[in-house]
Amino acid sequence: MQKTVNILNKRARFDYEIIETYTAGIVLAGSEIKSIRLGKASIAESFCEFHEHELFAINTNIEEYAYSRSFSHTPKSERKLLLNKKELKGLLKSVQNKGLTIIPLKLFTNEKGIAKLDIGLARGKKNYDKRETMKERDSKRDIDRIKKEFK
């Protein structure tokens, strides 16, 4: 097993403009946390939704734990996220009033081995914003390459 797990949503920063980030705990079963510690999870297609003032991560894929017996979990179920009431109220207002969305950015384990999820309050980018991001990334890569040649 790995000591620390970092599972990233690589498309999130390309498709969305991140306004605020939060760190949330996740309610998991025993076989789910064991799969996460083995690095067998994906948050690429997931998003977050409110159900009666509680926040849930939807479409988070956590593979079944290979060594569990009959008490295994379903890979793509809703998982409750744990935040303070104040944070939940602020997120709910932003989603309802401003039309923003909440997306998972990173799934990781802390020093104690507890799984946490970094979520971001985000606004979707338009195609021209995505092209601009690609152009900035290419120019940064070229500048780094030129700097490396002169060292």
C-alpha atoms as a PDB file:
ATOM      1  CA  MET A   1       0.000   0.000   0.000  1.00  0.00           C
ATOM      2  CA  GLN A   2       1.010   3.579  -0.600  1.00  0.00           C
ATOM      3  CA  LYS A   3       1.630   5.887   2.344  1.00  0.00           C
ATOM      4  CA  THR A   4      -0.151   8.906   0.833  1.00  0.00           C
ATOM      5  CA  VAL A   5      -2.667   8.809  -1.976  1.00  0.00           C
ATOM      6  CA  ASN A   6      -3.196  11.706  -4.394  1.00  0.00           C
ATOM      7  CA  ILE A   7      -5.835  11.156  -7.064  1.00  0.00           C
ATOM      8  CA  LEU A   8      -6.298  14.249  -9.218  1.00  0.00           C
ATOM      9  CA  ASN A   9      -9.039  15.478 -11.529  1.00  0.00           C
ATOM     10  CA  LYS A  10      -6.780  16.723 -14.330  1.00  0.00           C
ATOM     11  CA  ARG A  11      -9.596  18.053 -16.532  1.00  0.00           C
ATOM     12  CA  ALA A  12     -11.078  20.218 -13.769  1.00  0.00           C
ATOM     13  CA  ARG A  13      -8.729  23.193 -14.089  1.00  0.00           C
ATOM     14  CA  PHE A  14      -8.933  23.042 -17.888  1.00  0.00           C
ATOM     15  CA  ASP A  15     -12.739  22.915 -18.090  1.00  0.00           C
ATOM     16  CA  TYR A  16     -13.547  25.153 -15.111  1.00  0.00           C
ATOM     17  CA  GLU A  17     -12.390  28.389 -13.536  1.00  0.00           C
ATOM     18  CA  ILE A  18     -11.904  27.562  -9.836  1.00  0.00           C
ATOM     19  CA  ILE A  19     -13.172  30.348  -7.560  1.00  0.00           C
ATOM     20  CA  GLU A  20     -12.828  28.800  -4.083  1.00  0.00           C
ATOM     21  CA  THR A  21     -11.548  25.500  -2.722  1.00  0.00           C
ATOM     22  CA  TYR A  22     -12.616  23.518   0.341  1.00  0.00           C
ATOM     23  CA  THR A  23     -11.391  20.325   1.975  1.00  0.00           C
ATOM     24  CA  ALA A  24     -14.180  17.902   2.876  1.00  0.00           C
ATOM     25  CA  GLY A  25     -14.275  14.572   4.634  1.00  0.00           C
ATOM     26  CA  ILE A  26     -16.045  11.623   3.001  1.00  0.00           C
ATOM     27  CA  VAL A  27     -18.331   9.018   4.547  1.00  0.00           C
ATOM     28  CA  LEU A  28     -16.903   5.675   3.368  1.00  0.00           C
ATOM     29  CA  ALA A  29     -17.309   1.976   4.066  1.00  0.00           C
ATOM     30  CA  GLY A  30     -14.359  -0.181   5.092  1.00  0.00           C
ATOM     31  CA  SER A  31     -13.798  -1.704   1.664  1.00  0.00           C
ATOM     32  CA  GLU A  32     -13.960   1.754   0.040  1.00  0.00           C
ATOM     33  CA  ILE A  33     -11.153   3.234   2.134  1.00  0.00           C
ATOM     34  CA  LYS A  34      -9.017   0.151   1.492  1.00  0.00           C
ATOM     35  CA  SER A  35      -9.462   0.603  -2.272  1.00  0.00           C
ATOM     36  CA  ILE A  36      -8.576   4.297  -2.014  1.00  0.00           C
ATOM     37  CA  ARG A  37      -5.426   3.477  -0.058  1.00  0.00           C
ATOM     38  CA  LEU A  38      -4.450   1.142  -2.910  1.00  0.00           C
ATOM     39  CA  GLY A  39      -5.022   4.015  -5.357  1.00  0.00           C
ATOM     40  CA  LYS A  40      -7.978   2.389  -7.129  1.00  0.00           C
ATOM     41  CA  ALA A  41     -10.301   5.379  -7.424  1.00  0.00           C
ATOM     42  CA  SER A  42     -11.196   7.990 -10.024  1.00  0.00           C
ATOM     43  CA  ILE A  43     -12.830  11.406  -9.716  1.00  0.00           C
ATOM     44  CA  ALA A  44     -12.542  12.384 -13.384  1.00  0.00           C
ATOM     45  CA  GLU A  45     -16.284  12.319 -14.157  1.00  0.00           C
ATOM     46  CA  SER A  46     -17.612  13.233 -10.730  1.00  0.00           C
ATOM     47  CA  PHE A  47     -19.465  16.293  -9.492  1.00  0.00           C
ATOM     48  CA  CYS A  48     -21.189  17.396  -6.292  1.00  0.00           C
ATOM     49  CA  GLU A  49     -24.880  18.032  -5.599  1.00  0.00           C
ATOM     50  CA  PHE A  50     -27.008  19.104  -2.676  1.00  0.00           C
ATOM     51  CA  HIS A  51     -29.791  16.832  -1.380  1.00  0.00           C
ATOM     52  CA  GLU A  52     -31.755  18.504   1.424  1.00  0.00           C
ATOM     53  CA  HIS A  53     -28.889  20.700   2.696  1.00  0.00           C
ATOM     54  CA  GLU A  54     -26.331  17.877   2.544  1.00  0.00           C
ATOM     55  CA  LEU A  55     -23.563  17.693  -0.047  1.00  0.00           C
ATOM     56  CA  PHE A  56     -22.939  14.455  -1.979  1.00  0.00           C
ATOM     57  CA  ALA A  57     -20.207  13.456  -4.421  1.00  0.00           C
ATOM     58  CA  ILE A  58     -21.805  11.770  -7.420  1.00  0.00           C
ATOM     59  CA  ASN A  59     -20.109   9.519 -10.006  1.00  0.00           C
ATOM     60  CA  THR A  60     -16.990   9.046  -7.890  1.00  0.00           C
ATOM     61  CA  ASN A  61     -15.636   5.686  -8.978  1.00  0.00           C
ATOM     62  CA  ILE A  62     -14.038   3.598  -6.222  1.00  0.00           C
ATOM     63  CA  GLU A  63     -13.249   0.095  -7.438  1.00  0.00           C
ATOM     64  CA  GLU A  64     -14.315  -2.902  -5.385  1.00  0.00           C
ATOM     65  CA  TYR A  65     -11.741  -4.142  -2.919  1.00  0.00           C
ATOM     66  CA  ALA A  66     -10.360  -7.426  -4.257  1.00  0.00           C
ATOM     67  CA  TYR A  67      -9.980  -9.120  -0.860  1.00  0.00           C
ATOM     68  CA  SER A  68     -13.406  -8.308   0.573  1.00  0.00           C
ATOM     69  CA  ARG A  69     -15.988 -11.038   0.783  1.00  0.00           C
ATOM     70  CA  SER A  70     -19.711 -10.492   0.479  1.00  0.00           C
ATOM     71  CA  PHE A  71     -19.836  -7.034   2.135  1.00  0.00           C
ATOM     72  CA  SER A  72     -18.445  -5.089  -0.778  1.00  0.00           C
ATOM     73  CA  HIS A  73     -19.586  -1.655  -1.952  1.00  0.00           C
ATOM     74  CA  THR A  74     -21.011  -0.399  -5.239  1.00  0.00           C
ATOM     75  CA  PRO A  75     -18.334   1.387  -7.261  1.00  0.00           C
ATOM     76  CA  LYS A  76     -20.345   4.444  -8.384  1.00  0.00           C
ATOM     77  CA  SER A  77     -22.611   5.314  -5.471  1.00  0.00           C
ATOM     78  CA  GLU A  78     -23.336   8.699  -3.908  1.00  0.00           C
ATOM     79  CA  ARG A  79     -20.947   9.544  -1.107  1.00  0.00           C
ATOM     80  CA  LYS A  80     -21.762  12.123   1.557  1.00  0.00           C
ATOM     81  CA  LEU A  81     -19.261  14.943   2.051  1.00  0.00           C
ATOM     82  CA  LEU A  82     -18.608  16.387   5.488  1.00  0.00           C
ATOM     83  CA  LEU A  83     -18.266  20.171   5.835  1.00  0.00           C
ATOM     84  CA  ASN A  84     -19.157  22.774   8.472  1.00  0.00           C
ATOM     85  CA  LYS A  85     -22.702  24.174   8.413  1.00  0.00           C
ATOM     86  CA  LYS A  86     -21.369  27.624   7.584  1.00  0.00           C
ATOM     87  CA  GLU A  87     -19.427  26.291   4.591  1.00  0.00           C
ATOM     88  CA  LEU A  88     -22.431  24.274   3.392  1.00  0.00           C
ATOM     89  CA  LYS A  89     -24.729  27.314   3.577  1.00  0.00           C
ATOM     90  CA  GLY A  90     -22.247  29.440   1.639  1.00  0.00           C
ATOM     91  CA  LEU A  91     -21.828  26.794  -1.049  1.00  0.00           C
ATOM     92  CA  LEU A  92     -25.588  26.295  -1.349  1.00  0.00           C
ATOM     93  CA  LYS A  93     -26.130  30.048  -1.811  1.00  0.00           C
ATOM     94  CA  SER A  94     -23.416  30.252  -4.463  1.00  0.00           C
ATOM     95  CA  VAL A  95     -24.798  27.302  -6.396  1.00  0.00           C
ATOM     96  CA  GLN A  96     -28.395  28.534  -6.292  1.00  0.00           C
ATOM     97  CA  ASN A  97     -27.893  32.271  -6.824  1.00  0.00           C
ATOM     98  CA  LYS A  98     -24.827  32.556  -9.034  1.00  0.00           C
ATOM     99  CA  GLY A  99     -25.232  29.356 -11.055  1.00  0.00           C
ATOM    100  CA  LEU A 100     -21.844  27.944 -10.076  1.00  0.00           C
ATOM    101  CA  THR A 101     -21.013  24.259  -9.769  1.00  0.00           C
ATOM    102  CA  ILE A 102     -19.020  22.189  -7.292  1.00  0.00           C
ATOM    103  CA  ILE A 103     -16.433  19.748  -8.621  1.00  0.00           C
ATOM    104  CA  PRO A 104     -13.922  17.447  -6.914  1.00  0.00           C
ATOM    105  CA  LEU A 105     -10.309  18.450  -7.524  1.00  0.00           C
ATOM    106  CA  LYS A 106      -8.243  15.963  -5.516  1.00  0.00           C
ATOM    107  CA  LEU A 107      -8.847  12.830  -3.459  1.00  0.00           C
ATOM    108  CA  PHE A 108      -6.123  12.216  -0.899  1.00  0.00           C
ATOM    109  CA  THR A 109      -5.323  10.678   2.468  1.00  0.00           C
ATOM    110  CA  ASN A 110      -3.942  12.806   5.286  1.00  0.00           C
ATOM    111  CA  GLU A 111      -1.216  11.893   7.793  1.00  0.00           C
ATOM    112  CA  LYS A 112      -3.676   9.852   9.879  1.00  0.00           C
ATOM    113  CA  GLY A 113      -4.795   7.824   6.832  1.00  0.00           C
ATOM    114  CA  ILE A 114      -8.215   9.499   6.606  1.00  0.00           C
ATOM    115  CA  ALA A 115      -9.581  10.108   3.107  1.00  0.00           C
ATOM    116  CA  LYS A 116     -10.318  13.737   2.215  1.00  0.00           C
ATOM    117  CA  LEU A 117     -11.662  15.379  -0.923  1.00  0.00           C
ATOM    118  CA  ASP A 118     -10.645  18.825  -2.163  1.00  0.00           C
ATOM    119  CA  ILE A 119     -13.658  20.386  -3.840  1.00  0.00           C
ATOM    120  CA  GLY A 120     -13.819  23.588  -5.813  1.00  0.00           C
ATOM    121  CA  LEU A 121     -16.558  26.108  -6.412  1.00  0.00           C
ATOM    122  CA  ALA A 122     -16.238  26.618 -10.146  1.00  0.00           C
ATOM    123  CA  ARG A 123     -17.593  28.401 -13.192  1.00  0.00           C
ATOM    124  CA  GLY A 124     -17.468  26.653 -16.562  1.00  0.00           C
ATOM    125  CA  LYS A 125     -15.038  27.997 -19.161  1.00  0.00           C
ATOM    126  CA  LYS A 126     -15.986  28.870 -22.719  1.00  0.00           C
ATOM    127  CA  ASN A 127     -14.076  27.458 -25.703  1.00  0.00           C
ATOM    128  CA  TYR A 128     -12.048  30.648 -26.186  1.00  0.00           C
ATOM    129  CA  ASP A 129     -10.960  30.480 -22.530  1.00  0.00           C
ATOM    130  CA  LYS A 130      -9.773  26.912 -23.062  1.00  0.00           C
ATOM    131  CA  ARG A 131      -7.779  27.943 -26.144  1.00  0.00           C
ATOM    132  CA  GLU A 132      -6.202  30.750 -24.135  1.00  0.00           C
ATOM    133  CA  THR A 133      -5.225  28.277 -21.400  1.00  0.00           C
ATOM    134  CA  MET A 134      -3.621  26.001 -23.997  1.00  0.00           C
ATOM    135  CA  LYS A 135      -1.728  28.967 -25.498  1.00  0.00           C
ATOM    136  CA  GLU A 136      -0.403  30.023 -22.065  1.00  0.00           C
ATOM    137  CA  ARG A 137       0.703  26.478 -21.300  1.00  0.00           C
ATOM    138  CA  ASP A 138       2.525  26.174 -24.654  1.00  0.00           C
ATOM    139  CA  SER A 139       4.285  29.507 -24.226  1.00  0.00           C
ATOM    140  CA  LYS A 140       5.361  28.591 -20.688  1.00  0.00           C
ATOM    141  CA  ARG A 141       6.758  25.291 -21.974  1.00  0.00           C
ATOM    142  CA  ASP A 142       8.715  27.126 -24.717  1.00  0.00           C
ATOM    143  CA  ILE A 143      10.135  29.649 -22.234  1.00  0.00           C
ATOM    144  CA  ASP A 144      11.223  26.860 -19.887  1.00  0.00           C
ATOM    145  CA  ARG A 145      12.877  25.057 -22.792  1.00  0.00           C
ATOM    146  CA  ILE A 146      14.803  28.217 -23.783  1.00  0.00           C
ATOM    147  CA  LYS A 147      15.880  28.818 -20.172  1.00  0.00           C
ATOM    148  CA  LYS A 148      17.150  25.256 -19.935  1.00  0.00           C
ATOM    149  CA  GLU A 149      19.330  25.707 -23.066  1.00  0.00           C
ATOM    150  CA  PHE A 150      21.097  28.742 -21.609  1.00  0.00           C
ATOM    151  CA  LYS A 151      21.993  27.098 -18.299  1.00  0.00           C
END
